[in-house]
């Protein structure tokens, strides 16, 4: 199973090389946007994309991106709660 993480495009670093700097919940990195950057709809600052292993696989709208990020944060919180239950460290 693959998991695409929503990322906001901060800047196009190298249009010819298909690279952009993105932000994923405060983590910034360069990813390939070659699959979603097209002449009729060039990728731009503020666009949202789904990133998997360094590649933007699809564009998504901001509302869906923020909802997905919130769900991922909630899943991480639940995972931590389950770990604490197993270890008997729940306050």
N, C-alpha and C. Protein backbone atom coordinates (compact mmCIF):
# COMPACT_ATOMS: atom_id res chain seq x y z
N UNK A 1 0.84 -1.17 0.00
CA UNK A 1 0.00 0.00 0.00
C UNK A 1 0.88 1.23 0.00
N UNK A 2 0.51 2.23 -0.79
CA UNK A 2 1.24 3.49 -0.87
C UNK A 2 0.49 4.56 -0.09
N UNK A 3 1.25 5.49 0.44
CA UNK A 3 0.66 6.60 1.17
C UNK A 3 1.21 7.89 0.59
N UNK A 4 0.33 8.70 0.03
CA UNK A 4 0.73 10.01 -0.47
C UNK A 4 0.47 11.04 0.61
N UNK A 5 1.46 11.85 0.90
CA UNK A 5 1.36 12.86 1.93
C UNK A 5 1.15 14.22 1.27
N UNK A 6 0.15 14.98 1.72
CA UNK A 6 -0.07 16.31 1.14
C UNK A 6 1.10 17.25 1.44
N UNK A 7 1.49 17.99 0.43
CA UNK A 7 2.57 18.96 0.56
C UNK A 7 2.20 20.21 -0.21
N UNK A 8 2.59 21.35 0.35
CA UNK A 8 2.36 22.63 -0.31
C UNK A 8 3.63 23.05 -1.04
N UNK A 9 3.49 23.44 -2.29
CA UNK A 9 4.63 23.88 -3.08
C UNK A 9 5.06 25.27 -2.61
N UNK A 10 6.32 25.38 -2.20
CA UNK A 10 6.87 26.65 -1.76
C UNK A 10 7.48 27.43 -2.92
N UNK A 11 8.18 26.68 -3.78
CA UNK A 11 8.79 27.31 -4.96
C UNK A 11 9.21 26.25 -5.96
N UNK A 12 9.22 26.64 -7.21
CA UNK A 12 9.75 25.77 -8.25
C UNK A 12 11.25 26.05 -8.28
N UNK A 13 12.04 25.03 -8.01
CA UNK A 13 13.49 25.18 -7.92
C UNK A 13 14.14 25.06 -9.29
N UNK A 14 13.66 24.10 -10.08
CA UNK A 14 14.23 23.83 -11.40
C UNK A 14 13.12 23.31 -12.30
N UNK A 15 12.50 24.22 -13.04
CA UNK A 15 11.38 23.82 -13.90
C UNK A 15 11.83 22.79 -14.93
N UNK A 16 12.96 23.01 -15.58
CA UNK A 16 13.43 22.07 -16.61
C UNK A 16 13.72 20.70 -16.02
N UNK A 17 14.21 20.67 -14.78
CA UNK A 17 14.52 19.41 -14.12
C UNK A 17 13.33 18.83 -13.36
N UNK A 18 12.24 19.59 -13.31
CA UNK A 18 11.03 19.12 -12.64
C UNK A 18 11.13 19.05 -11.13
N UNK A 19 11.83 20.02 -10.52
CA UNK A 19 12.00 20.01 -9.07
C UNK A 19 11.34 21.21 -8.42
N UNK A 20 10.73 20.94 -7.27
CA UNK A 20 10.12 22.01 -6.48
C UNK A 20 10.42 21.76 -5.01
N UNK A 21 10.48 22.84 -4.24
CA UNK A 21 10.61 22.74 -2.79
C UNK A 21 9.20 22.75 -2.22
N UNK A 22 8.91 21.79 -1.35
CA UNK A 22 7.58 21.68 -0.76
C UNK A 22 7.69 21.67 0.76
N UNK A 23 6.55 21.92 1.39
CA UNK A 23 6.44 21.87 2.85
C UNK A 23 5.43 20.81 3.23
N UNK A 24 5.87 19.88 4.07
CA UNK A 24 4.99 18.84 4.60
C UNK A 24 4.97 19.02 6.11
N UNK A 25 3.96 19.70 6.61
CA UNK A 25 3.82 19.93 8.05
C UNK A 25 5.09 20.46 8.69
N UNK A 26 5.70 21.43 8.04
CA UNK A 26 6.90 22.07 8.58
C UNK A 26 8.21 21.48 8.10
N UNK A 27 8.17 20.33 7.45
CA UNK A 27 9.37 19.72 6.89
C UNK A 27 9.48 20.14 5.44
N UNK A 28 10.61 20.74 5.09
CA UNK A 28 10.81 21.22 3.72
C UNK A 28 11.82 20.35 3.00
N UNK A 29 11.47 20.02 1.76
CA UNK A 29 12.39 19.21 0.95
C UNK A 29 12.08 19.41 -0.51
N UNK A 30 13.02 19.00 -1.34
CA UNK A 30 12.81 19.05 -2.78
C UNK A 30 12.23 17.74 -3.25
N UNK A 31 11.25 17.84 -4.15
CA UNK A 31 10.63 16.66 -4.73
C UNK A 31 10.50 16.85 -6.23
N UNK A 32 10.35 15.76 -6.92
CA UNK A 32 10.09 15.83 -8.36
C UNK A 32 8.61 16.14 -8.60
N UNK A 33 8.38 17.16 -9.40
CA UNK A 33 7.01 17.51 -9.80
C UNK A 33 6.79 17.24 -11.29
N UNK A 34 7.71 16.51 -11.88
CA UNK A 34 7.66 16.26 -13.32
C UNK A 34 6.36 15.60 -13.77
N UNK A 35 5.76 14.79 -12.90
CA UNK A 35 4.53 14.09 -13.28
C UNK A 35 3.29 14.98 -13.26
N UNK A 36 3.35 16.10 -12.55
CA UNK A 36 2.17 16.96 -12.42
C UNK A 36 2.37 18.36 -13.00
N UNK A 37 3.57 18.67 -13.43
CA UNK A 37 3.88 19.98 -14.00
C UNK A 37 3.72 19.90 -15.52
N UNK A 38 2.64 20.49 -16.02
CA UNK A 38 2.36 20.41 -17.45
C UNK A 38 2.36 21.80 -18.06
N UNK A 39 2.61 21.91 -19.37
CA UNK A 39 2.63 23.23 -20.01
C UNK A 39 1.31 23.99 -19.87
N UNK A 40 0.19 23.27 -19.92
CA UNK A 40 -1.11 23.94 -19.83
C UNK A 40 -1.51 24.25 -18.39
N UNK A 41 -0.84 23.62 -17.41
CA UNK A 41 -1.12 23.88 -15.99
C UNK A 41 0.19 23.74 -15.20
N UNK A 42 1.07 24.73 -15.36
CA UNK A 42 2.36 24.64 -14.66
C UNK A 42 2.19 24.67 -13.14
N UNK A 43 3.01 23.90 -12.47
CA UNK A 43 2.99 23.88 -11.01
C UNK A 43 3.45 25.25 -10.51
N UNK A 44 2.85 25.72 -9.42
CA UNK A 44 3.18 27.05 -8.93
C UNK A 44 3.18 27.08 -7.41
N UNK A 45 3.81 28.10 -6.86
CA UNK A 45 3.80 28.32 -5.42
C UNK A 45 2.37 28.34 -4.91
N UNK A 46 2.13 27.61 -3.81
CA UNK A 46 0.80 27.54 -3.22
C UNK A 46 -0.02 26.35 -3.67
N UNK A 47 0.41 25.67 -4.75
CA UNK A 47 -0.29 24.46 -5.17
C UNK A 47 -0.08 23.36 -4.14
N UNK A 48 -1.03 22.45 -4.04
CA UNK A 48 -0.92 21.29 -3.15
C UNK A 48 -0.79 20.03 -3.99
N UNK A 49 0.11 19.15 -3.55
CA UNK A 49 0.36 17.90 -4.26
C UNK A 49 0.43 16.75 -3.26
N UNK A 50 0.20 15.53 -3.74
CA UNK A 50 0.41 14.33 -2.93
C UNK A 50 1.80 13.80 -3.25
N UNK A 51 2.63 13.63 -2.22
CA UNK A 51 4.01 13.21 -2.41
C UNK A 51 4.20 11.80 -1.86
N UNK A 52 4.87 10.98 -2.65
CA UNK A 52 5.24 9.62 -2.24
C UNK A 52 6.67 9.38 -2.70
N UNK A 53 7.52 9.00 -1.78
CA UNK A 53 8.95 8.73 -2.01
C UNK A 53 9.62 9.76 -2.93
N UNK A 54 9.37 11.03 -2.67
CA UNK A 54 10.05 12.09 -3.39
C UNK A 54 9.44 12.50 -4.71
N UNK A 55 8.27 11.98 -5.03
CA UNK A 55 7.60 12.33 -6.27
C UNK A 55 6.20 12.86 -5.99
N UNK A 56 5.86 13.98 -6.59
CA UNK A 56 4.48 14.47 -6.53
C UNK A 56 3.69 13.66 -7.54
N UNK A 57 2.68 12.94 -7.04
CA UNK A 57 1.92 12.03 -7.90
C UNK A 57 0.63 12.64 -8.42
N UNK A 58 0.09 13.63 -7.71
CA UNK A 58 -1.17 14.24 -8.11
C UNK A 58 -1.30 15.61 -7.46
N UNK A 59 -2.10 16.44 -8.06
CA UNK A 59 -2.47 17.72 -7.45
C UNK A 59 -3.75 17.49 -6.65
N UNK A 60 -3.87 18.21 -5.54
CA UNK A 60 -5.10 18.15 -4.76
C UNK A 60 -5.45 19.56 -4.32
N UNK A 61 -6.71 19.75 -3.95
CA UNK A 61 -7.07 21.09 -3.49
C UNK A 61 -6.69 21.25 -2.02
N UNK A 62 -6.59 22.50 -1.59
CA UNK A 62 -6.11 22.81 -0.25
C UNK A 62 -7.00 22.22 0.84
N UNK A 63 -8.31 22.26 0.65
CA UNK A 63 -9.22 21.72 1.67
C UNK A 63 -8.98 20.23 1.88
N UNK A 64 -8.85 19.48 0.80
CA UNK A 64 -8.58 18.05 0.91
C UNK A 64 -7.21 17.80 1.56
N UNK A 65 -6.23 18.62 1.20
CA UNK A 65 -4.89 18.48 1.78
C UNK A 65 -4.93 18.67 3.28
N UNK A 66 -5.58 19.73 3.73
CA UNK A 66 -5.64 20.02 5.17
C UNK A 66 -6.44 18.95 5.93
N UNK A 67 -7.50 18.46 5.32
CA UNK A 67 -8.29 17.39 5.95
C UNK A 67 -7.45 16.11 6.09
N UNK A 68 -6.71 15.78 5.05
CA UNK A 68 -5.86 14.59 5.08
C UNK A 68 -4.77 14.72 6.13
N UNK A 69 -4.14 15.90 6.21
CA UNK A 69 -3.11 16.12 7.22
C UNK A 69 -3.68 15.99 8.64
N UNK A 70 -4.88 16.50 8.85
CA UNK A 70 -5.52 16.39 10.16
C UNK A 70 -5.79 14.92 10.50
N UNK A 71 -6.24 14.15 9.53
CA UNK A 71 -6.48 12.72 9.75
C UNK A 71 -5.18 11.97 10.06
N UNK A 72 -4.12 12.32 9.37
CA UNK A 72 -2.83 11.68 9.63
C UNK A 72 -2.32 12.02 11.03
N UNK A 73 -2.50 13.28 11.45
CA UNK A 73 -2.10 13.66 12.81
C UNK A 73 -2.92 12.89 13.85
N UNK A 74 -4.22 12.75 13.61
CA UNK A 74 -5.08 12.02 14.54
C UNK A 74 -4.67 10.55 14.61
N UNK A 75 -4.34 9.97 13.46
CA UNK A 75 -3.89 8.57 13.44
C UNK A 75 -2.59 8.43 14.24
N UNK A 76 -1.69 9.37 14.14
CA UNK A 76 -0.44 9.33 14.91
C UNK A 76 -0.73 9.44 16.40
N UNK A 77 -1.68 10.31 16.77
CA UNK A 77 -2.06 10.45 18.18
C UNK A 77 -2.63 9.14 18.71
N UNK A 78 -3.50 8.51 17.92
CA UNK A 78 -4.08 7.23 18.35
C UNK A 78 -3.02 6.16 18.49
N UNK A 79 -2.06 6.15 17.60
CA UNK A 79 -0.98 5.18 17.67
C UNK A 79 -0.19 5.36 18.96
N UNK A 80 0.06 6.61 19.33
CA UNK A 80 0.78 6.89 20.57
C UNK A 80 -0.04 6.46 21.79
N UNK A 81 -1.33 6.71 21.77
CA UNK A 81 -2.20 6.29 22.87
C UNK A 81 -2.19 4.77 23.02
N UNK A 82 -2.24 4.05 21.91
CA UNK A 82 -2.20 2.59 21.95
C UNK A 82 -0.87 2.09 22.50
N UNK A 83 0.22 2.74 22.12
CA UNK A 83 1.54 2.36 22.65
C UNK A 83 1.57 2.55 24.16
N UNK A 84 1.04 3.68 24.62
CA UNK A 84 1.02 3.95 26.06
C UNK A 84 0.15 2.92 26.80
N UNK A 85 -0.98 2.54 26.22
CA UNK A 85 -1.82 1.52 26.83
C UNK A 85 -1.08 0.20 26.96
N UNK A 86 -0.40 -0.20 25.89
CA UNK A 86 0.36 -1.46 25.91
C UNK A 86 1.46 -1.43 26.97
N UNK A 87 2.09 -0.27 27.13
CA UNK A 87 3.20 -0.15 28.08
C UNK A 87 2.71 0.18 29.49
N UNK A 88 1.41 0.47 29.63
CA UNK A 88 0.88 0.80 30.94
C UNK A 88 1.33 2.16 31.45
N UNK A 89 1.59 3.08 30.51
CA UNK A 89 2.06 4.41 30.90
C UNK A 89 1.02 5.51 30.69
N UNK A 90 -0.22 5.11 30.49
CA UNK A 90 -1.29 6.10 30.30
C UNK A 90 -1.56 6.77 31.63
N UNK A 91 -1.61 8.11 31.61
CA UNK A 91 -1.83 8.86 32.85
C UNK A 91 -3.31 8.89 33.20
